[in-house]
């Protein structure tokens, strides 16, 4: 199960990277086409959709690699027991909020599919397609938070704390 979850997080991060490259290519095509006197329709829309996809799909990978910004000024001053409790509380609340958001994003995708919502602009893209990447990214992030919560409940440190500790050692 551990290998599957780590693979899921890595795949999600790779997809996020793919969408960053896609943004670059869309903008590059837009620049080159303007030099040649052409207009490529909906490049702004596509870039926005790709940005949302890369942001949401990158959440879980970033969490597991310790890349999210954490205010450690207070955390570093806590005892081991207090820090463990604090990590549990934060992960429990975060998991609850991520579950709620996953549900609502999934429902938004469903509604867009049922009502056949399309984007405004030159290319009428069905909205459920770009919204699906947001929903999937939030679901994987939710799984990552629950994964970390279970890890903390078992008495271990969260994965992201290992990376944080490495950074603190490098600063000394």
C-alpha atoms as a PDB file:
ATOM      1  CA  UNK A   1       0.000   0.000   0.000  1.00  0.00           C
ATOM      2  CA  UNK A   2       2.879   2.369   0.839  1.00  0.00           C
ATOM      3  CA  UNK A   3       4.388   1.950  -2.635  1.00  0.00           C
ATOM      4  CA  UNK A   4       1.010   2.578  -4.261  1.00  0.00           C
ATOM      5  CA  UNK A   5       0.428   5.792  -2.290  1.00  0.00           C
ATOM      6  CA  UNK A   6       3.943   7.087  -2.907  1.00  0.00           C
ATOM      7  CA  UNK A   7       3.478   6.305  -6.602  1.00  0.00           C
ATOM      8  CA  UNK A   8       0.136   8.131  -6.598  1.00  0.00           C
ATOM      9  CA  UNK A   9       1.721  11.227  -5.068  1.00  0.00           C
ATOM     10  CA  UNK A  10       4.633  11.099  -7.524  1.00  0.00           C
ATOM     11  CA  UNK A  11       2.249  10.640 -10.467  1.00  0.00           C
ATOM     12  CA  UNK A  12       0.180  13.593  -9.286  1.00  0.00           C
ATOM     13  CA  UNK A  13       3.332  15.705  -9.033  1.00  0.00           C
ATOM     14  CA  UNK A  14       4.411  14.615 -12.514  1.00  0.00           C
ATOM     15  CA  UNK A  15       0.998  15.592 -13.903  1.00  0.00           C
ATOM     16  CA  UNK A  16       1.338  18.988 -12.226  1.00  0.00           C
ATOM     17  CA  UNK A  17       4.714  19.390 -13.918  1.00  0.00           C
ATOM     18  CA  UNK A  18       3.194  18.352 -17.250  1.00  0.00           C
ATOM     19  CA  UNK A  19       0.588  21.103 -16.973  1.00  0.00           C
ATOM     20  CA  UNK A  20       3.291  23.678 -16.167  1.00  0.00           C
ATOM     21  CA  UNK A  21       5.061  22.644 -19.385  1.00  0.00           C
ATOM     22  CA  UNK A  22       1.707  22.830 -21.218  1.00  0.00           C
ATOM     23  CA  UNK A  23       1.249  26.431 -20.012  1.00  0.00           C
ATOM     24  CA  UNK A  24       4.694  27.269 -21.357  1.00  0.00           C
ATOM     25  CA  UNK A  25       3.920  25.692 -24.729  1.00  0.00           C
ATOM     26  CA  UNK A  26       0.548  27.438 -25.051  1.00  0.00           C
ATOM     27  CA  UNK A  27       2.111  30.822 -24.292  1.00  0.00           C
ATOM     28  CA  UNK A  28       4.983  30.088 -26.686  1.00  0.00           C
ATOM     29  CA  UNK A  29       2.523  29.205 -29.466  1.00  0.00           C
ATOM     30  CA  UNK A  30       0.618  32.413 -28.737  1.00  0.00           C
ATOM     31  CA  UNK A  31       3.798  34.529 -28.971  1.00  0.00           C
ATOM     32  CA  UNK A  32       5.023  32.899 -32.186  1.00  0.00           C
ATOM     33  CA  UNK A  33       1.600  33.070 -33.829  1.00  0.00           C
ATOM     34  CA  UNK A  34       1.333  36.799 -33.077  1.00  0.00           C
ATOM     35  CA  UNK A  35       4.707  37.380 -34.750  1.00  0.00           C
ATOM     36  CA  UNK A  36       3.302  35.623 -37.807  1.00  0.00           C
ATOM     37  CA  UNK A  37       0.085  37.661 -37.746  1.00  0.00           C
ATOM     38  CA  UNK A  38      -2.243  34.956 -36.438  1.00  0.00           C
ATOM     39  CA  UNK A  39      -4.323  34.724 -33.305  1.00  0.00           C
ATOM     40  CA  UNK A  40      -4.684  31.404 -31.513  1.00  0.00           C
ATOM     41  CA  UNK A  41      -8.091  31.418 -29.805  1.00  0.00           C
ATOM     42  CA  UNK A  42      -8.601  30.663 -26.113  1.00  0.00           C
ATOM     43  CA  UNK A  43      -4.932  30.557 -25.108  1.00  0.00           C
ATOM     44  CA  UNK A  44      -5.824  32.526 -21.978  1.00  0.00           C
ATOM     45  CA  UNK A  45      -8.555  30.029 -21.122  1.00  0.00           C
ATOM     46  CA  UNK A  46      -6.279  27.047 -21.684  1.00  0.00           C
ATOM     47  CA  UNK A  47      -3.480  28.605 -19.628  1.00  0.00           C
ATOM     48  CA  UNK A  48      -5.925  29.231 -16.782  1.00  0.00           C
ATOM     49  CA  UNK A  49      -7.230  25.667 -16.910  1.00  0.00           C
ATOM     50  CA  UNK A  50      -3.678  24.304 -16.956  1.00  0.00           C
ATOM     51  CA  UNK A  51      -2.713  26.544 -14.033  1.00  0.00           C
ATOM     52  CA  UNK A  52      -5.629  25.233 -11.953  1.00  0.00           C
ATOM     53  CA  UNK A  53      -4.696  21.661 -12.869  1.00  0.00           C
ATOM     54  CA  UNK A  54      -1.037  22.116 -11.953  1.00  0.00           C
ATOM     55  CA  UNK A  55      -1.904  23.849  -8.680  1.00  0.00           C
ATOM     56  CA  UNK A  56      -4.340  21.222  -7.442  1.00  0.00           C
ATOM     57  CA  UNK A  57      -2.455  18.193  -8.753  1.00  0.00           C
ATOM     58  CA  UNK A  58       0.732  19.433  -7.107  1.00  0.00           C
ATOM     59  CA  UNK A  59      -0.761  19.728  -3.600  1.00  0.00           C
ATOM     60  CA  UNK A  60      -0.198  16.145  -2.405  1.00  0.00           C
ATOM     61  CA  UNK A  61       3.320  15.852  -3.817  1.00  0.00           C
ATOM     62  CA  UNK A  62       4.279  19.183  -2.284  1.00  0.00           C
ATOM     63  CA  UNK A  63       2.890  18.125   1.113  1.00  0.00           C
ATOM     64  CA  UNK A  64       4.806  14.856   1.103  1.00  0.00           C
ATOM     65  CA  UNK A  65       8.046  16.595   0.082  1.00  0.00           C
ATOM     66  CA  UNK A  66       7.709  19.287   2.760  1.00  0.00           C
ATOM     67  CA  UNK A  67       7.223  22.093   0.257  1.00  0.00           C
ATOM     68  CA  UNK A  68       4.206  23.793   1.808  1.00  0.00           C
ATOM     69  CA  UNK A  69       4.962  26.930   3.761  1.00  0.00           C
ATOM     70  CA  UNK A  70       4.769  26.323   7.503  1.00  0.00           C
ATOM     71  CA  UNK A  71       5.216  28.917  10.194  1.00  0.00           C
ATOM     72  CA  UNK A  72       7.661  27.071  12.397  1.00  0.00           C
ATOM     73  CA  UNK A  73       8.421  29.886  14.834  1.00  0.00           C
ATOM     74  CA  UNK A  74       5.948  28.523  17.406  1.00  0.00           C
ATOM     75  CA  UNK A  75       6.251  24.853  16.446  1.00  0.00           C
ATOM     76  CA  UNK A  76       9.991  24.730  17.139  1.00  0.00           C
ATOM     77  CA  UNK A  77       9.436  25.888  20.712  1.00  0.00           C
ATOM     78  CA  UNK A  78       6.985  23.090  21.552  1.00  0.00           C
ATOM     79  CA  UNK A  79       8.012  19.951  23.394  1.00  0.00           C
ATOM     80  CA  UNK A  80       7.893  16.646  21.498  1.00  0.00           C
ATOM     81  CA  UNK A  81       4.550  15.699  23.060  1.00  0.00           C
ATOM     82  CA  UNK A  82       3.020  19.118  22.403  1.00  0.00           C
ATOM     83  CA  UNK A  83       4.275  19.113  18.833  1.00  0.00           C
ATOM     84  CA  UNK A  84       2.829  15.641  18.263  1.00  0.00           C
ATOM     85  CA  UNK A  85      -0.565  16.842  19.548  1.00  0.00           C
ATOM     86  CA  UNK A  86      -0.366  19.954  17.422  1.00  0.00           C
ATOM     87  CA  UNK A  87       0.462  17.906  14.302  1.00  0.00           C
ATOM     88  CA  UNK A  88      -2.488  15.613  15.026  1.00  0.00           C
ATOM     89  CA  UNK A  89      -4.867  18.558  15.449  1.00  0.00           C
ATOM     90  CA  UNK A  90      -3.679  20.315  12.303  1.00  0.00           C
ATOM     91  CA  UNK A  91      -3.843  17.138  10.209  1.00  0.00           C
ATOM     92  CA  UNK A  92      -7.294  16.229  11.573  1.00  0.00           C
ATOM     93  CA  UNK A  93      -8.713  19.681  10.786  1.00  0.00           C
ATOM     94  CA  UNK A  94      -6.940  19.751   7.412  1.00  0.00           C
ATOM     95  CA  UNK A  95      -8.276  16.300   6.526  1.00  0.00           C
ATOM     96  CA  UNK A  96     -11.794  17.363   7.443  1.00  0.00           C
ATOM     97  CA  UNK A  97     -11.595  20.523   5.355  1.00  0.00           C
ATOM     98  CA  UNK A  98     -10.009  18.665   2.433  1.00  0.00           C
ATOM     99  CA  UNK A  99     -12.776  16.053   2.599  1.00  0.00           C
ATOM    100  CA  UNK A 100     -15.395  18.790   2.457  1.00  0.00           C
ATOM    101  CA  UNK A 101     -13.637  20.494  -0.432  1.00  0.00           C
ATOM    102  CA  UNK A 102     -13.171  17.191  -2.294  1.00  0.00           C
ATOM    103  CA  UNK A 103     -16.884  16.515  -1.999  1.00  0.00           C
ATOM    104  CA  UNK A 104     -17.876  19.960  -3.257  1.00  0.00           C
ATOM    105  CA  UNK A 105     -15.394  19.931  -6.128  1.00  0.00           C
ATOM    106  CA  UNK A 106     -16.644  16.487  -7.152  1.00  0.00           C
ATOM    107  CA  UNK A 107     -20.212  17.760  -7.030  1.00  0.00           C
ATOM    108  CA  UNK A 108     -19.234  20.816  -9.084  1.00  0.00           C
ATOM    109  CA  UNK A 109     -17.781  18.526 -11.766  1.00  0.00           C
ATOM    110  CA  UNK A 110     -20.956  16.438 -11.717  1.00  0.00           C
ATOM    111  CA  UNK A 111     -23.182  19.517 -12.066  1.00  0.00           C
ATOM    112  CA  UNK A 112     -21.094  20.862 -14.937  1.00  0.00           C
ATOM    113  CA  UNK A 113     -21.414  17.520 -16.672  1.00  0.00           C
ATOM    114  CA  UNK A 114     -25.185  17.247 -16.095  1.00  0.00           C
ATOM    115  CA  UNK A 115     -25.918  20.830 -17.167  1.00  0.00           C
ATOM    116  CA  UNK A 116     -23.404  20.658 -20.029  1.00  0.00           C
ATOM    117  CA  UNK A 117     -21.628  23.846 -18.894  1.00  0.00           C
ATOM    118  CA  UNK A 118     -19.017  25.124 -21.326  1.00  0.00           C
ATOM    119  CA  UNK A 119     -16.364  27.804 -21.060  1.00  0.00           C
ATOM    120  CA  UNK A 120     -16.979  31.224 -22.530  1.00  0.00           C
ATOM    121  CA  UNK A 121     -14.685  32.224 -25.351  1.00  0.00           C
ATOM    122  CA  UNK A 122     -13.803  31.009 -28.820  1.00  0.00           C
ATOM    123  CA  UNK A 123     -13.490  27.359 -27.824  1.00  0.00           C
ATOM    124  CA  UNK A 124     -16.520  26.066 -25.910  1.00  0.00           C
ATOM    125  CA  UNK A 125     -14.678  23.566 -23.684  1.00  0.00           C
ATOM    126  CA  UNK A 126     -16.955  21.461 -21.442  1.00  0.00           C
ATOM    127  CA  UNK A 127     -16.153  22.731 -17.943  1.00  0.00           C
ATOM    128  CA  UNK A 128     -16.206  19.301 -16.350  1.00  0.00           C
ATOM    129  CA  UNK A 129     -12.942  18.501 -18.135  1.00  0.00           C
ATOM    130  CA  UNK A 130     -10.732  21.166 -16.496  1.00  0.00           C
ATOM    131  CA  UNK A 131     -12.706  20.921 -13.256  1.00  0.00           C
ATOM    132  CA  UNK A 132     -11.922  17.198 -13.078  1.00  0.00           C
ATOM    133  CA  UNK A 133      -8.231  17.930 -12.618  1.00  0.00           C
ATOM    134  CA  UNK A 134      -9.048  20.179  -9.662  1.00  0.00           C
ATOM    135  CA  UNK A 135     -11.291  17.550  -8.126  1.00  0.00           C
ATOM    136  CA  UNK A 136      -8.738  14.787  -8.668  1.00  0.00           C
ATOM    137  CA  UNK A 137      -5.926  16.905  -7.238  1.00  0.00           C
ATOM    138  CA  UNK A 138      -7.944  17.741  -4.128  1.00  0.00           C
ATOM    139  CA  UNK A 139      -8.909  14.086  -3.669  1.00  0.00           C
ATOM    140  CA  UNK A 140      -5.253  13.004  -3.836  1.00  0.00           C
ATOM    141  CA  UNK A 141      -4.320  15.810  -1.419  1.00  0.00           C
ATOM    142  CA  UNK A 142      -7.067  14.584   0.907  1.00  0.00           C
ATOM    143  CA  UNK A 143      -5.636  11.062   0.752  1.00  0.00           C
ATOM    144  CA  UNK A 144      -2.162  12.459   1.524  1.00  0.00           C
ATOM    145  CA  UNK A 145      -3.484  14.340   4.571  1.00  0.00           C
ATOM    146  CA  UNK A 146      -5.262  11.240   5.892  1.00  0.00           C
ATOM    147  CA  UNK A 147      -2.084   9.244   5.201  1.00  0.00           C
ATOM    148  CA  UNK A 148      -0.091  11.691   7.327  1.00  0.00           C
ATOM    149  CA  UNK A 149      -2.795  11.681  10.022  1.00  0.00           C
ATOM    150  CA  UNK A 150      -2.595   7.883  10.289  1.00  0.00           C
ATOM    151  CA  UNK A 151       1.181   8.138  10.436  1.00  0.00           C
ATOM    152  CA  UNK A 152       0.952  10.602  13.350  1.00  0.00           C
ATOM    153  CA  UNK A 153      -1.659   8.437  15.108  1.00  0.00           C
ATOM    154  CA  UNK A 154       0.832   5.557  14.961  1.00  0.00           C
ATOM    155  CA  UNK A 155       3.370   7.716  16.775  1.00  0.00           C
ATOM    156  CA  UNK A 156       5.622   8.572  13.833  1.00  0.00           C
ATOM    157  CA  UNK A 157       6.643  12.001  12.614  1.00  0.00           C
ATOM    158  CA  UNK A 158       4.896  13.308   9.496  1.00  0.00           C
ATOM    159  CA  UNK A 159       6.934  12.986   6.280  1.00  0.00           C
ATOM    160  CA  UNK A 160       7.046  16.726   5.765  1.00  0.00           C
ATOM    161  CA  UNK A 161       8.668  17.165   9.178  1.00  0.00           C
ATOM    162  CA  UNK A 162      11.664  15.103   8.025  1.00  0.00           C
ATOM    163  CA  UNK A 163      12.295  17.611   5.240  1.00  0.00           C
ATOM    164  CA  UNK A 164      11.749  20.503   7.635  1.00  0.00           C
ATOM    165  CA  UNK A 165      14.316  19.032  10.032  1.00  0.00           C
ATOM    166  CA  UNK A 166      16.805  18.688   7.152  1.00  0.00           C
ATOM    167  CA  UNK A 167      16.329  22.352   6.271  1.00  0.00           C
ATOM    168  CA  UNK A 168      16.870  23.397   9.882  1.00  0.00           C
ATOM    169  CA  UNK A 169      20.125  21.435  10.018  1.00  0.00           C
ATOM    170  CA  UNK A 170      21.354  23.116   6.835  1.00  0.00           C
ATOM    171  CA  UNK A 171      20.746  26.573   8.310  1.00  0.00           C
ATOM    172  CA  UNK A 172      22.973  25.884  11.337  1.00  0.00           C
END
